[in-house]
Amino acid sequence: MLTKRDFWGSLNLLAETRSERTRLIFHTATFQLIFLVLTFFVLTSSGSLMGRGLVLAFFLHLIIDQIVDINETGGLANWFRNFPFWTPVDRRQAMAWWGAGLLMVLLFGFLL
């Protein structure tokens, strides 16, 4: 598709096959917790608005990906596949995890 310069078709293909990519390292609860610590470090130690905006945008993207997965699959089982501490088993627990992540993005975005 890219050789034919069909960029919109390529983007549509990526959007349609999103559910097939389930083993991404970025889409795990472990990565999200590590990235939360790194986000806090960047926000508190960097004076650069570019750096702050970049880490907050990436963290927000993770939160949006989680809500899409909750709506499509009914939970966050893919995110907690290798998480050793806790696995949300129902939609309510998945929404609690998502809400905690959203709260962290809002706190980091407005207070730091």
Foldseek 3Di string as FASTA:
>chain_A
DVVVVPVVVVVVVCVVCVVVPLQDPCLAPVNLVVLLVVLVVCLVPPPDPVSNVVSLVVLVVSLVVLVVCCVVPVASCSRHVPPDPDGDDGNVVRVVVSVVSVVSSVCSVPPD
